[in-house]
Amino acid sequence: MNQKKKREKFHLKQAIILAAASGFLLFLYAPLELYFTNMTDFWFDLYNILGIELVMFLLTAAVIFGALFLANLIHPIVYKVLYCAGVVLFFAFYVEGNFLAKDLPLLDGREIDWQAISIHRVYSILVIAVLTAIIVVLIKIFKYEKTEKYLQYAVLFLSAILLVTLCTVGIQKKGFEKKTRVVINKDAEFDFSGKQNVIMVILDAVDADVFEEVIDKKPEYYDTFKDFTFYKNMTSTYTQTEYSVAYLLSGAFFDATSNEFFADYVAKAFDESVLLQSFQDDGYRIGYYEPNCYPYSSKRVLTFDNVYGAGMLKIDVLSYLKGMIKLVGFRYAPFDVKKLCEVYYRDFQADEKSAIAENYYTDFNDVFLNDIENCEFNITDDKFFKLYHLEGAHIPFEYDEKANKVGGTTYEQCVEASFYVASEFLNKLKESDVYDNSVIILMADHGFSLEDIPEDRLHPVFLVKGINENNSRMVINDAPVSFEDFGEAVERLKDGAPASEITDWKEGDTRERKCYVFFYKDEGNMHFSECIQRGHAGDWTQVEVVK
């Protein structure tokens, strides 16, 4: 009888192990593994968030331990049920995050069609049911006390594996290194030269096919952009923003299929850029208004008008936790909990904005439009190269045709919004008498696929105007051009060539163009592949995977 009473006492060791393991999985392993494997998507470094995660780990472990202790006070059977349920959820979260997450869609701002992946609910229920059945069978065979010991060892074993995995990934991805930091603000945002400017406006995700559809419906665009040449057969080298921007400015390919660190590539690409060196050799001041492609450790960017080195910024704890808990829940929680955990990567960028001064540059269409309308354009004797990245027609679709952020709009409306902002910018340049002496490039960093086809993102809009170039109507050019031609094209324009002479390729030429496609839907296995575009830039069926 006494022995039985001892067994009914609170199982302190088992409760501590389950509580600590659960806290570790949710607030150390999961968020840090997400950080290590996606470091370039986050502006902060490990040491910004480690203290936050440690506190959450301890709080979570304490809460779970307290719940088990309270359950034992209520009745030993309540404790046993709660303990077994905790073990089931521990392993279920592990299975969800490491084996079932590959089929989840990207959190890029687009509305998720949960019905299309409703089979995941079946998987979630099946995982929980199988784990529950295993524990029931073990209790039937070995009784509860022995089963609890076995479960304790299983939880410890898996936690040890996760700890080793986390350390290994952190070392492999250089996650334990402190990040250097740059701040990109609005200094000299609208300083221009009375002599010569090269102005590059990147409208994110504006597809050339859709732009053609828009101008066919609204032929006044032919007059609005009459001085430009529209290269309708342009192929981007990448389907993602940061890769495209780094390539455009450097001309150096990042082999996205290799193990090279992207942050190292970006720093080297900027520091060794022939194009940027050419601008600086010719006495141009450079403005880099791009909040997505961060050259963290580049020395050259510190010479730009609006880029400054800084120590790592303090993070907004509550905002960070809200975003990271949703990220963890989206990946690790059962299906019906995932639906409550949609989050957009820009939420983390918002944390950074609140941590910096009000002068911080953001690429929202409406913010840039407001700056155009309310800021003075300052004219100096210096020559300028300016790069502006705007939200353009990127998901989520929030803008009407006049770039008012109203929410719930269409992709076509956001394309129109992009060019409305561009046209207002051109008007202000004209009013300031710097339009004619400027090379102006209106382009996208990549295209967009309404059908969600990765290869169909290789057709960005690309319009260009040379110095003192005046036409009666927008020119259409179907030459097979590529971002590979960008550096030479800018040099020619800088030297006074018209838009029609930025490339030696002619309409009707056959050309193979190298590109990298991010296949985010390929059997749930997200990866980059080196490809060749063998046809027209707008024909994604001619994209061949070669590596």
Protein backbone atom coordinates (compact mmCIF):
# COMPACT_ATOMS: atom_id res chain seq x y z
CA MET A 1 0.00 0.00 0.00
CA ASN A 2 2.84 2.41 0.90
CA GLN A 3 4.61 1.59 -2.36
CA LYS A 4 1.46 2.43 -4.29
CA LYS A 5 1.19 5.75 -2.51
CA LYS A 6 4.78 6.60 -3.46
CA ARG A 7 4.00 5.95 -7.08
CA GLU A 8 1.10 8.36 -6.87
CA LYS A 9 3.41 11.16 -5.76
CA PHE A 10 4.29 13.90 -8.19
CA HIS A 11 6.82 12.65 -10.73
CA LEU A 12 9.15 15.63 -10.45
CA LYS A 13 11.91 14.51 -12.80
CA GLN A 14 9.58 13.52 -15.64
CA ALA A 15 7.65 16.80 -15.35
CA ILE A 16 10.82 18.88 -15.41
CA ILE A 17 12.14 17.03 -18.47
CA LEU A 18 8.91 17.42 -20.45
CA ALA A 19 8.53 21.08 -19.48
CA ALA A 20 12.14 21.93 -20.35
CA ALA A 21 12.06 19.94 -23.60
CA SER A 22 8.83 21.63 -24.73
CA GLY A 23 10.21 25.08 -23.94
CA PHE A 24 13.41 24.22 -25.78
CA LEU A 25 11.57 23.00 -28.90
CA LEU A 26 9.25 26.00 -29.10
CA PHE A 27 11.50 28.87 -28.05
CA LEU A 28 15.06 27.81 -28.71
CA TYR A 29 15.27 25.15 -31.37
CA ALA A 30 12.41 26.31 -33.62
CA PRO A 31 13.10 30.08 -33.77
CA LEU A 32 16.88 29.75 -33.87
CA GLU A 33 16.78 27.10 -36.59
CA LEU A 34 14.48 29.39 -38.58
CA TYR A 35 16.93 32.24 -38.05
CA PHE A 36 20.01 30.20 -39.00
CA THR A 37 18.47 28.93 -42.23
CA ASN A 38 17.00 32.30 -43.27
CA MET A 39 19.50 34.82 -41.91
CA THR A 40 19.36 37.17 -44.90
CA ASP A 41 15.61 37.62 -44.36
CA PHE A 42 16.15 39.07 -40.88
CA TRP A 43 17.90 42.36 -40.13
CA PHE A 44 18.78 41.33 -36.55
CA ASP A 45 21.41 38.85 -35.44
CA LEU A 46 21.44 35.95 -32.96
CA TYR A 47 22.50 38.12 -30.06
CA ASN A 48 19.50 40.44 -30.53
CA ILE A 49 17.08 37.59 -29.96
CA LEU A 50 18.94 35.05 -27.82
CA GLY A 51 18.03 36.71 -24.53
CA ILE A 52 14.38 37.00 -25.57
CA GLU A 53 14.23 33.34 -26.54
CA LEU A 54 15.95 32.21 -23.33
CA VAL A 55 13.42 34.11 -21.23
CA MET A 56 10.55 32.62 -23.24
CA PHE A 57 12.08 29.15 -22.88
CA LEU A 58 12.21 29.51 -19.09
CA LEU A 59 8.70 30.98 -18.89
CA THR A 60 7.25 28.25 -21.09
CA ALA A 61 9.00 25.52 -19.13
CA ALA A 62 7.74 27.05 -15.86
CA VAL A 63 4.15 27.29 -17.13
CA ILE A 64 4.13 23.68 -18.36
CA PHE A 65 5.72 22.45 -15.15
CA GLY A 66 3.16 24.42 -13.14
CA ALA A 67 0.30 22.94 -15.14
CA LEU A 68 1.59 19.40 -14.51
CA PHE A 69 2.06 20.11 -10.82
CA LEU A 70 -1.45 21.55 -10.53
CA ALA A 71 -2.88 18.57 -12.42
CA ASN A 72 -1.23 16.22 -9.95
CA LEU A 73 -2.80 18.14 -7.06
CA ILE A 74 -6.21 17.75 -8.65
CA HIS A 75 -5.82 14.01 -9.19
CA PRO A 76 -3.00 11.67 -10.32
CA ILE A 77 -5.08 10.55 -13.29
CA VAL A 78 -5.44 14.14 -14.46
CA TYR A 79 -1.66 14.48 -14.27
CA LYS A 80 -1.11 11.26 -16.25
CA VAL A 81 -3.51 12.32 -18.98
CA LEU A 82 -1.94 15.79 -19.20
CA TYR A 83 1.59 14.36 -19.23
CA CYS A 84 0.78 11.93 -22.05
CA ALA A 85 -0.97 14.70 -23.99
CA GLY A 86 2.13 16.85 -23.57
CA VAL A 87 4.36 14.11 -24.94
CA VAL A 88 2.02 13.61 -27.90
CA LEU A 89 2.12 17.33 -28.72
CA PHE A 90 5.90 17.48 -28.28
CA PHE A 91 6.44 14.78 -30.90
CA ALA A 92 3.59 16.06 -33.08
CA PHE A 93 5.18 19.52 -33.25
CA TYR A 94 8.50 17.91 -34.13
CA VAL A 95 6.95 15.87 -36.96
CA GLU A 96 5.01 18.88 -38.27
CA GLY A 97 8.07 21.12 -38.36
CA ASN A 98 10.56 18.65 -39.77
CA PHE A 99 8.56 16.37 -42.05
CA LEU A 100 5.26 18.01 -42.99
CA ALA A 101 6.31 21.66 -43.40
CA LYS A 102 7.71 21.14 -46.90
CA ASP A 103 4.23 21.30 -48.40
CA LEU A 104 3.39 24.68 -46.84
CA PRO A 105 3.11 27.79 -49.06
CA LEU A 106 5.46 30.76 -48.89
CA LEU A 107 4.64 33.52 -46.42
CA ASP A 108 5.19 36.24 -49.02
CA GLY A 109 2.03 38.23 -48.38
CA ARG A 110 -0.33 36.48 -50.75
CA GLU A 111 -3.61 35.08 -49.45
CA ILE A 112 -3.22 31.40 -48.58
CA ASP A 113 -5.73 28.99 -50.09
CA TRP A 114 -6.12 26.71 -47.09
CA GLN A 115 -8.68 24.62 -48.90
CA ALA A 116 -6.06 23.68 -51.49
CA ILE A 117 -3.84 22.17 -48.80
CA SER A 118 -6.61 20.79 -46.59
CA ILE A 119 -5.04 17.32 -46.88
CA HIS A 120 -2.58 18.64 -44.31
CA ARG A 121 -5.39 18.54 -41.73
CA VAL A 122 -5.61 14.80 -42.32
CA TYR A 123 -1.86 14.46 -41.78
CA SER A 124 -2.05 16.46 -38.54
CA ILE A 125 -4.89 14.35 -37.18
CA LEU A 126 -3.16 11.16 -38.28
CA VAL A 127 0.10 12.11 -36.55
CA ILE A 128 -1.68 12.86 -33.27
CA ALA A 129 -3.78 9.71 -33.55
CA VAL A 130 -0.76 7.47 -34.22
CA LEU A 131 1.25 8.99 -31.35
CA THR A 132 -1.70 8.62 -28.99
CA ALA A 133 -2.22 5.01 -30.04
CA ILE A 134 1.46 4.22 -29.44
CA ILE A 135 1.28 5.59 -25.89
CA VAL A 136 -1.95 3.70 -25.17
CA VAL A 137 -0.40 0.46 -26.40
CA LEU A 138 2.72 1.04 -24.32
CA ILE A 139 0.61 1.64 -21.21
CA LYS A 140 -1.36 -1.52 -21.91
CA ILE A 141 1.84 -3.57 -22.20
CA PHE A 142 4.16 -1.97 -19.62
CA LYS A 143 1.74 -0.11 -17.31
CA TYR A 144 1.91 3.64 -16.81
CA GLU A 145 5.03 3.93 -14.62
CA LYS A 146 7.36 2.13 -17.04
CA THR A 147 5.78 3.87 -20.03
CA GLU A 148 6.41 7.24 -18.43
CA LYS A 149 10.09 6.36 -18.03
CA TYR A 150 10.33 5.26 -21.65
CA LEU A 151 8.65 8.48 -22.77
CA GLN A 152 11.05 10.46 -20.60
CA TYR A 153 14.02 8.86 -22.35
CA ALA A 154 12.45 9.41 -25.77
CA VAL A 155 11.91 13.11 -25.04
CA LEU A 156 15.48 13.46 -23.78
CA PHE A 157 16.90 11.62 -26.78
CA LEU A 158 15.01 13.76 -29.31
CA SER A 159 15.94 16.95 -27.45
CA ALA A 160 19.61 15.95 -27.57
CA ILE A 161 19.36 15.33 -31.32
CA LEU A 162 17.70 18.74 -31.81
CA LEU A 163 20.40 20.47 -29.76
CA VAL A 164 23.18 18.89 -31.81
CA THR A 165 21.33 19.73 -35.03
CA LEU A 166 20.83 23.33 -33.96
CA CYS A 167 24.51 23.81 -33.11
CA THR A 168 25.58 22.14 -36.35
CA VAL A 169 23.29 24.30 -38.49
CA GLY A 170 24.40 27.42 -36.62
CA ILE A 171 28.06 26.66 -37.32
CA GLN A 172 27.45 25.71 -40.96
CA LYS A 173 25.42 28.87 -41.64
CA LYS A 174 27.74 31.17 -39.64
CA GLY A 175 24.79 31.94 -37.41
CA PHE A 176 26.92 32.56 -34.33
CA GLU A 177 28.76 35.46 -35.96
CA LYS A 178 27.69 38.99 -35.07
CA LYS A 179 26.24 40.87 -37.99
CA THR A 180 27.63 44.17 -39.06
CA ARG A 181 24.86 46.64 -39.72
CA VAL A 182 24.08 49.39 -42.17
CA VAL A 183 21.31 51.96 -41.92
CA ILE A 184 19.65 53.08 -45.15
CA ASN A 185 17.87 56.39 -44.69
CA LYS A 186 16.47 59.20 -46.85
CA ASP A 187 19.49 61.50 -46.81
CA ALA A 188 19.87 63.27 -50.18
CA GLU A 189 16.84 61.33 -51.45
CA PHE A 190 15.94 64.03 -53.96
CA ASP A 191 19.30 65.68 -54.55
CA PHE A 192 19.98 65.79 -58.28
CA SER A 193 22.52 67.20 -60.65
CA GLY A 194 22.08 70.11 -62.98
CA LYS A 195 24.68 68.34 -65.15
CA GLN A 196 23.92 64.62 -65.40
CA ASN A 197 22.03 61.94 -63.47
CA VAL A 198 21.50 58.23 -63.84
CA ILE A 199 18.23 57.33 -62.14
CA MET A 200 17.16 53.73 -61.68
CA VAL A 201 13.66 53.00 -60.32
CA ILE A 202 12.95 49.35 -59.51
CA LEU A 203 9.24 48.56 -59.36
CA ASP A 204 9.06 45.25 -57.54
CA ALA A 205 7.36 42.32 -59.30
CA VAL A 206 5.93 44.25 -62.27
CA ASP A 207 5.56 41.72 -65.06
CA ALA A 208 6.09 42.88 -68.65
CA ASP A 209 3.18 40.84 -70.03
CA VAL A 210 0.74 42.49 -67.62
CA PHE A 211 2.24 45.92 -68.32
CA GLU A 212 1.48 45.35 -72.01
CA GLU A 213 -2.09 44.49 -71.13
CA VAL A 214 -2.37 47.67 -69.08
CA ILE A 215 -1.05 49.96 -71.80
CA ASP A 216 -3.33 48.31 -74.36
CA LYS A 217 -6.28 49.23 -72.13
CA LYS A 218 -4.87 52.67 -71.39
CA PRO A 219 -3.08 53.93 -74.52
CA GLU A 220 -2.37 57.26 -72.80
CA TYR A 221 0.60 55.43 -71.24
CA TYR A 222 2.25 55.60 -74.67
CA ASP A 223 2.26 59.39 -74.26
CA THR A 224 3.08 59.42 -70.54
CA PHE A 225 6.24 57.44 -71.21
CA LYS A 226 6.76 58.67 -74.76
CA ASP A 227 10.48 59.31 -74.31
CA PHE A 228 11.13 55.72 -73.21
CA THR A 229 11.92 52.54 -75.06
CA PHE A 230 10.09 49.49 -73.73
CA TYR A 231 12.23 46.37 -74.05
CA LYS A 232 9.47 43.76 -74.01
CA ASN A 233 11.79 40.73 -74.31
CA MET A 234 13.85 41.29 -71.14
CA THR A 235 14.83 38.28 -69.01
CA SER A 236 15.82 38.73 -65.37
CA THR A 237 18.64 36.62 -63.99
CA TYR A 238 16.81 35.78 -60.76
CA THR A 239 13.22 35.48 -59.59
CA GLN A 240 13.85 37.08 -56.17
CA THR A 241 14.53 40.73 -55.30
CA GLU A 242 17.76 40.66 -53.31
CA TYR A 243 19.49 38.37 -55.82
CA SER A 244 18.44 40.49 -58.78
CA VAL A 245 19.51 43.79 -57.21
CA ALA A 246 22.93 42.46 -56.23
CA TYR A 247 23.45 41.06 -59.72
CA LEU A 248 22.33 44.23 -61.51
CA LEU A 249 24.85 46.35 -59.62
CA SER A 250 27.72 43.88 -59.83
CA GLY A 251 27.29 41.68 -62.89
CA ALA A 252 28.56 38.80 -60.73
CA PHE A 253 26.39 35.71 -60.63
CA PHE A 254 25.54 34.16 -57.30
CA ASP A 255 25.42 30.41 -57.80
CA ALA A 256 22.28 29.80 -55.80
CA THR A 257 22.78 26.04 -56.17
CA SER A 258 26.11 26.16 -54.30
CA ASN A 259 26.92 26.42 -50.60
CA GLU A 260 28.26 29.97 -50.88
CA PHE A 261 26.88 32.35 -48.25
CA PHE A 262 24.69 34.97 -49.86
CA ALA A 263 25.77 37.70 -47.41
CA ASP A 264 29.41 37.10 -48.36
CA TYR A 265 28.52 37.24 -52.05
CA VAL A 266 26.63 40.53 -51.66
CA ALA A 267 29.49 42.24 -49.83
CA LYS A 268 32.02 41.06 -52.41
CA ALA A 269 29.69 41.92 -55.31
CA PHE A 270 29.33 45.52 -54.12
CA ASP A 271 32.99 45.98 -53.23
CA GLU A 272 34.22 44.59 -56.57
CA SER A 273 31.48 46.04 -58.77
CA VAL A 274 32.87 47.41 -62.01
CA LEU A 275 29.71 49.46 -62.54
CA LEU A 276 29.80 51.14 -59.14
CA GLN A 277 33.53 51.75 -59.46
CA SER A 278 32.92 53.39 -62.84
CA PHE A 279 30.38 55.77 -61.32
CA GLN A 280 32.71 56.72 -58.52
CA ASP A 281 35.68 57.12 -60.86
CA ASP A 282 33.56 59.51 -62.95
CA GLY A 283 32.71 61.59 -59.90
CA TYR A 284 29.14 60.43 -59.33
CA ARG A 285 27.59 60.49 -55.88
CA ILE A 286 25.59 57.34 -55.21
CA GLY A 287 22.23 57.07 -53.46
CA TYR A 288 21.10 53.55 -52.56
CA TYR A 289 17.43 53.53 -51.54
CA GLU A 290 16.88 49.80 -51.30
CA PRO A 291 15.67 48.22 -48.02
CA ASN A 292 15.69 44.61 -49.22
CA CYS A 293 19.23 43.87 -50.42
CA TYR A 294 21.53 44.61 -47.48
CA PRO A 295 25.29 44.67 -48.18
CA TYR A 296 26.02 44.17 -44.48
CA SER A 297 29.81 44.04 -44.59
CA SER A 298 30.55 45.97 -47.78
CA LYS A 299 32.99 48.84 -47.40
CA ARG A 300 31.89 50.55 -50.60
CA VAL A 301 28.30 51.14 -49.46
CA LEU A 302 29.56 53.28 -46.61
CA THR A 303 30.63 55.80 -49.27
CA PHE A 304 27.04 56.18 -50.51
CA ASP A 305 25.06 59.31 -49.64
CA ASN A 306 22.50 57.60 -47.41
CA VAL A 307 24.16 54.44 -46.03
CA TYR A 308 25.80 54.41 -42.61
CA GLY A 309 27.48 51.80 -40.47
CA ALA A 310 25.79 51.17 -37.15
CA GLY A 311 25.87 48.86 -34.20
CA MET A 312 23.13 46.26 -33.98
CA LEU A 313 19.85 47.99 -33.15
CA LYS A 314 17.59 47.21 -30.24
CA ILE A 315 14.66 45.05 -31.18
CA ASP A 316 11.00 45.69 -30.41
CA VAL A 317 10.44 42.69 -28.13
CA LEU A 318 6.66 42.44 -28.32
CA SER A 319 6.51 42.92 -32.07
CA TYR A 320 9.32 40.42 -32.59
CA LEU A 321 7.64 37.81 -30.38
CA LYS A 322 4.34 38.25 -32.17
CA GLY A 323 5.98 37.63 -35.53
CA MET A 324 8.29 34.82 -34.47
CA ILE A 325 5.59 32.93 -32.55
CA LYS A 326 3.46 33.03 -35.68
CA LEU A 327 6.38 31.78 -37.80
CA VAL A 328 6.99 28.91 -35.39
CA GLY A 329 3.28 28.12 -35.19
CA PHE A 330 2.92 28.17 -38.97
CA ARG A 331 5.66 25.61 -39.34
CA TYR A 332 5.31 23.43 -36.24
CA ALA A 333 1.69 23.54 -35.09
CA PRO A 334 -1.12 21.22 -36.29
CA PHE A 335 -3.05 22.34 -39.36
CA ASP A 336 -5.91 24.24 -37.75
CA VAL A 337 -3.51 26.19 -35.54
CA LYS A 338 -1.36 27.07 -38.56
CA LYS A 339 -4.34 28.95 -40.03
CA LEU A 340 -4.09 31.39 -37.13
CA CYS A 341 -0.37 31.98 -37.73
CA GLU A 342 -0.11 33.72 -41.09
CA VAL A 343 2.63 36.35 -41.00
CA TYR A 344 4.43 38.50 -43.57
CA TYR A 345 8.21 38.98 -43.62
CA ARG A 346 7.79 42.76 -43.79
CA ASP A 347 6.55 42.63 -40.19
CA PHE A 348 10.15 42.11 -39.12
CA GLN A 349 11.28 45.01 -41.27
CA ALA A 350 8.72 47.14 -39.44
CA ASP A 351 10.54 46.29 -36.20
CA GLU A 352 13.67 47.79 -37.70
CA LYS A 353 11.89 50.93 -38.79
CA SER A 354 10.65 51.57 -35.27
CA ALA A 355 14.18 51.05 -33.96
CA ILE A 356 15.72 53.66 -36.27
CA ALA A 357 15.00 57.34 -36.76
CA GLU A 358 12.04 58.63 -38.76
CA ASN A 359 14.38 59.27 -41.68
CA TYR A 360 14.60 55.53 -42.41
CA TYR A 361 13.88 54.68 -46.07
CA THR A 362 10.96 52.37 -46.79
CA ASP A 363 9.88 51.31 -50.25
CA PHE A 364 6.10 51.58 -49.87
CA ASN A 365 4.49 53.14 -52.94
CA ASP A 366 2.31 55.56 -51.00
CA VAL A 367 5.20 56.73 -48.81
CA PHE A 368 7.43 57.44 -51.81
CA LEU A 369 4.56 59.22 -53.57
CA ASN A 370 4.02 61.40 -50.50
CA ASP A 371 7.74 62.22 -50.43
CA ILE A 372 7.63 63.19 -54.11
CA GLU A 373 4.69 65.52 -53.52
CA ASN A 374 5.98 67.14 -50.34
CA CYS A 375 9.79 67.23 -50.58
CA GLU A 376 11.88 69.81 -52.38
CA PHE A 377 14.12 68.54 -55.18
CA ASN A 378 17.56 70.01 -54.53
CA ILE A 379 19.71 70.73 -57.59
CA THR A 380 23.51 70.73 -57.23
CA ASP A 381 26.59 70.62 -59.45
CA ASP A 382 27.40 67.04 -58.42
CA LYS A 383 26.56 64.13 -60.71
CA PHE A 384 24.34 61.42 -59.24
CA PHE A 385 23.55 57.75 -59.62
CA LYS A 386 20.31 56.97 -57.78
CA LEU A 387 18.73 53.58 -57.18
CA TYR A 388 15.21 53.55 -55.76
CA HIS A 389 13.44 50.32 -54.95
CA LEU A 390 9.65 50.59 -54.65
CA GLU A 391 7.08 48.08 -53.51
CA GLY A 392 5.61 48.15 -57.00
CA ALA A 393 3.08 45.39 -57.60
CA HIS A 394 4.37 43.03 -54.94
CA ILE A 395 1.98 40.89 -52.94
CA PRO A 396 -0.21 41.70 -50.99
CA PHE A 397 -2.25 43.76 -53.45
CA GLU A 398 -3.23 46.88 -51.54
CA TYR A 399 -3.11 49.82 -53.97
CA ASP A 400 -5.67 51.33 -56.32
CA GLU A 401 -4.66 52.91 -59.62
CA LYS A 402 -3.61 56.15 -57.90
CA ALA A 403 -1.42 54.35 -55.35
CA ASN A 404 -3.86 54.83 -52.50
CA LYS A 405 -3.45 52.01 -50.00
CA VAL A 406 -7.02 50.72 -49.81
CA GLY A 407 -6.49 46.96 -49.53
CA GLY A 408 -8.16 44.15 -51.44
CA THR A 409 -7.16 45.30 -54.93
CA THR A 410 -5.86 43.36 -57.93
CA TYR A 411 -2.43 42.79 -59.40
CA GLU A 412 -3.33 44.89 -62.45
CA GLN A 413 -4.31 47.81 -60.22
CA CYS A 414 -0.99 47.56 -58.42
CA VAL A 415 0.85 47.60 -61.76
CA GLU A 416 -1.04 50.79 -62.61
CA ALA A 417 -0.23 52.19 -59.18
CA SER A 418 3.45 51.51 -59.80
CA PHE A 419 3.46 53.51 -63.01
CA TYR A 420 1.31 56.23 -61.53
CA VAL A 421 4.03 56.77 -58.90
CA ALA A 422 6.66 56.61 -61.66
CA SER A 423 4.81 59.19 -63.75
CA GLU A 424 4.47 61.55 -60.80
CA PHE A 425 8.20 61.19 -60.18
CA LEU A 426 8.93 62.01 -63.83
CA ASN A 427 6.70 65.08 -63.62
CA LYS A 428 8.60 66.33 -60.59
CA LEU A 429 11.91 65.73 -62.39
CA LYS A 430 10.60 67.78 -65.30
CA GLU A 431 9.49 70.59 -63.00
CA SER A 432 12.97 70.59 -61.46
CA ASP A 433 14.67 70.76 -64.89
CA VAL A 434 16.63 67.53 -64.42
CA TYR A 435 14.52 65.25 -66.62
CA ASP A 436 16.31 65.91 -69.88
CA ASN A 437 19.85 65.59 -68.49
CA SER A 438 19.03 62.26 -66.84
CA VAL A 439 19.28 58.66 -67.86
CA ILE A 440 16.10 57.12 -66.43
CA ILE A 441 15.49 53.39 -66.10
CA LEU A 442 12.06 52.15 -65.00
CA MET A 443 12.24 48.44 -64.42
CA ALA A 444 11.27 45.49 -62.25
CA ASP A 445 13.65 43.21 -60.41
CA HIS A 446 11.68 40.18 -61.60
CA GLY A 447 8.30 39.40 -63.10
CA PHE A 448 5.22 37.90 -61.53
CA SER A 449 3.02 34.91 -62.25
CA LEU A 450 -0.69 35.18 -61.63
CA GLU A 451 -0.81 31.41 -62.06
CA ASP A 452 1.95 31.04 -59.45
CA ILE A 453 4.43 29.48 -61.90
CA PRO A 454 8.02 30.09 -60.70
CA GLU A 455 9.52 30.15 -64.21
CA ASP A 456 7.01 32.81 -65.22
CA ARG A 457 8.70 35.34 -62.89
CA LEU A 458 11.58 35.89 -65.34
CA HIS A 459 9.91 38.57 -67.45
CA PRO A 460 10.32 41.98 -65.75
CA VAL A 461 9.19 45.26 -67.25
CA PHE A 462 12.12 47.34 -68.56
CA LEU A 463 11.82 50.90 -69.91
CA VAL A 464 14.73 53.25 -70.50
CA LYS A 465 15.29 56.86 -71.56
CA GLY A 466 18.61 58.31 -72.61
CA ILE A 467 19.98 61.79 -71.99
CA ASN A 468 18.07 64.51 -73.90
CA GLU A 469 15.97 61.80 -75.52
CA ASN A 470 12.59 62.99 -76.75
CA ASN A 471 10.17 60.89 -78.77
CA SER A 472 6.64 61.43 -80.00
CA ARG A 473 5.53 58.05 -78.67
CA MET A 474 6.88 55.21 -76.55
CA VAL A 475 9.10 52.87 -78.60
CA ILE A 476 8.64 49.10 -78.42
CA ASN A 477 11.75 46.92 -78.85
CA ASP A 478 11.64 43.11 -78.94
CA ALA A 479 15.39 42.42 -78.87
CA PRO A 480 16.31 39.40 -76.67
CA VAL A 481 17.98 41.27 -73.81
CA SER A 482 18.92 40.15 -70.33
CA PHE A 483 20.07 41.54 -67.00
CA GLU A 484 23.47 40.29 -68.18
CA ASP A 485 23.47 43.32 -70.50
CA PHE A 486 22.66 45.82 -67.76
CA GLY A 487 26.15 47.03 -66.86
CA GLU A 488 27.14 47.70 -70.46
CA ALA A 489 23.77 49.32 -71.16
CA VAL A 490 24.21 51.79 -68.29
CA GLU A 491 27.74 52.65 -69.42
CA ARG A 492 26.48 53.40 -72.92
CA LEU A 493 23.63 55.53 -71.61
CA LYS A 494 25.99 57.38 -69.29
CA ASP A 495 28.17 58.17 -72.31
CA GLY A 496 25.18 59.61 -74.17
CA ALA A 497 23.84 56.69 -76.21
CA PRO A 498 20.08 56.68 -76.92
CA ALA A 499 17.88 53.93 -75.49
CA SER A 500 17.78 52.13 -78.83
CA GLU A 501 21.56 51.55 -78.68
CA ILE A 502 22.01 50.04 -75.22
CA THR A 503 22.57 46.59 -76.72
CA ASP A 504 23.85 45.02 -79.93
CA TRP A 505 21.09 42.41 -79.85
CA LYS A 506 18.36 42.99 -82.44
CA GLU A 507 14.77 41.93 -82.82
CA GLY A 508 14.59 38.45 -84.32
CA ASP A 509 17.95 37.31 -82.88
CA THR A 510 18.04 33.90 -81.22
CA ARG A 511 19.68 33.85 -77.82
CA GLU A 512 20.08 31.62 -74.77
CA ARG A 513 19.88 33.58 -71.51
CA LYS A 514 21.15 32.25 -68.18
CA CYS A 515 18.94 32.64 -65.12
CA TYR A 516 18.21 31.16 -61.70
CA VAL A 517 14.68 30.16 -60.75
CA PHE A 518 13.51 29.65 -57.19
CA PHE A 519 11.25 26.60 -57.35
CA TYR A 520 9.10 27.04 -54.26
CA LYS A 521 6.44 24.52 -55.29
CA ASP A 522 8.52 21.60 -56.54
CA GLU A 523 7.14 18.72 -54.48
CA GLY A 524 7.53 20.89 -51.41
CA ASN A 525 11.31 21.01 -51.88
CA MET A 526 12.17 24.70 -52.19
CA HIS A 527 15.39 25.23 -54.13
CA PHE A 528 17.15 27.32 -56.78
CA SER A 529 17.98 25.84 -60.15
CA GLU A 530 20.22 27.24 -62.86
CA CYS A 531 18.17 27.57 -66.04
CA ILE A 532 18.38 28.74 -69.64
CA GLN A 533 15.67 30.81 -71.30
CA ARG A 534 15.70 29.53 -74.87
CA GLY A 535 12.73 31.50 -76.17
CA HIS A 536 10.94 34.78 -75.63
CA ALA A 537 11.21 36.16 -72.11
CA GLY A 538 7.45 35.91 -71.71
CA ASP A 539 7.33 32.22 -72.62
CA TRP A 540 8.05 30.32 -69.43
CA THR A 541 7.65 26.98 -71.25
CA GLN A 542 11.00 27.68 -72.96
CA VAL A 543 12.86 27.80 -69.63
CA GLU A 544 15.07 24.72 -69.35
CA VAL A 545 16.59 23.55 -66.08
CA VAL A 546 20.28 22.77 -66.60
CA LYS A 547 21.55 22.45 -63.02
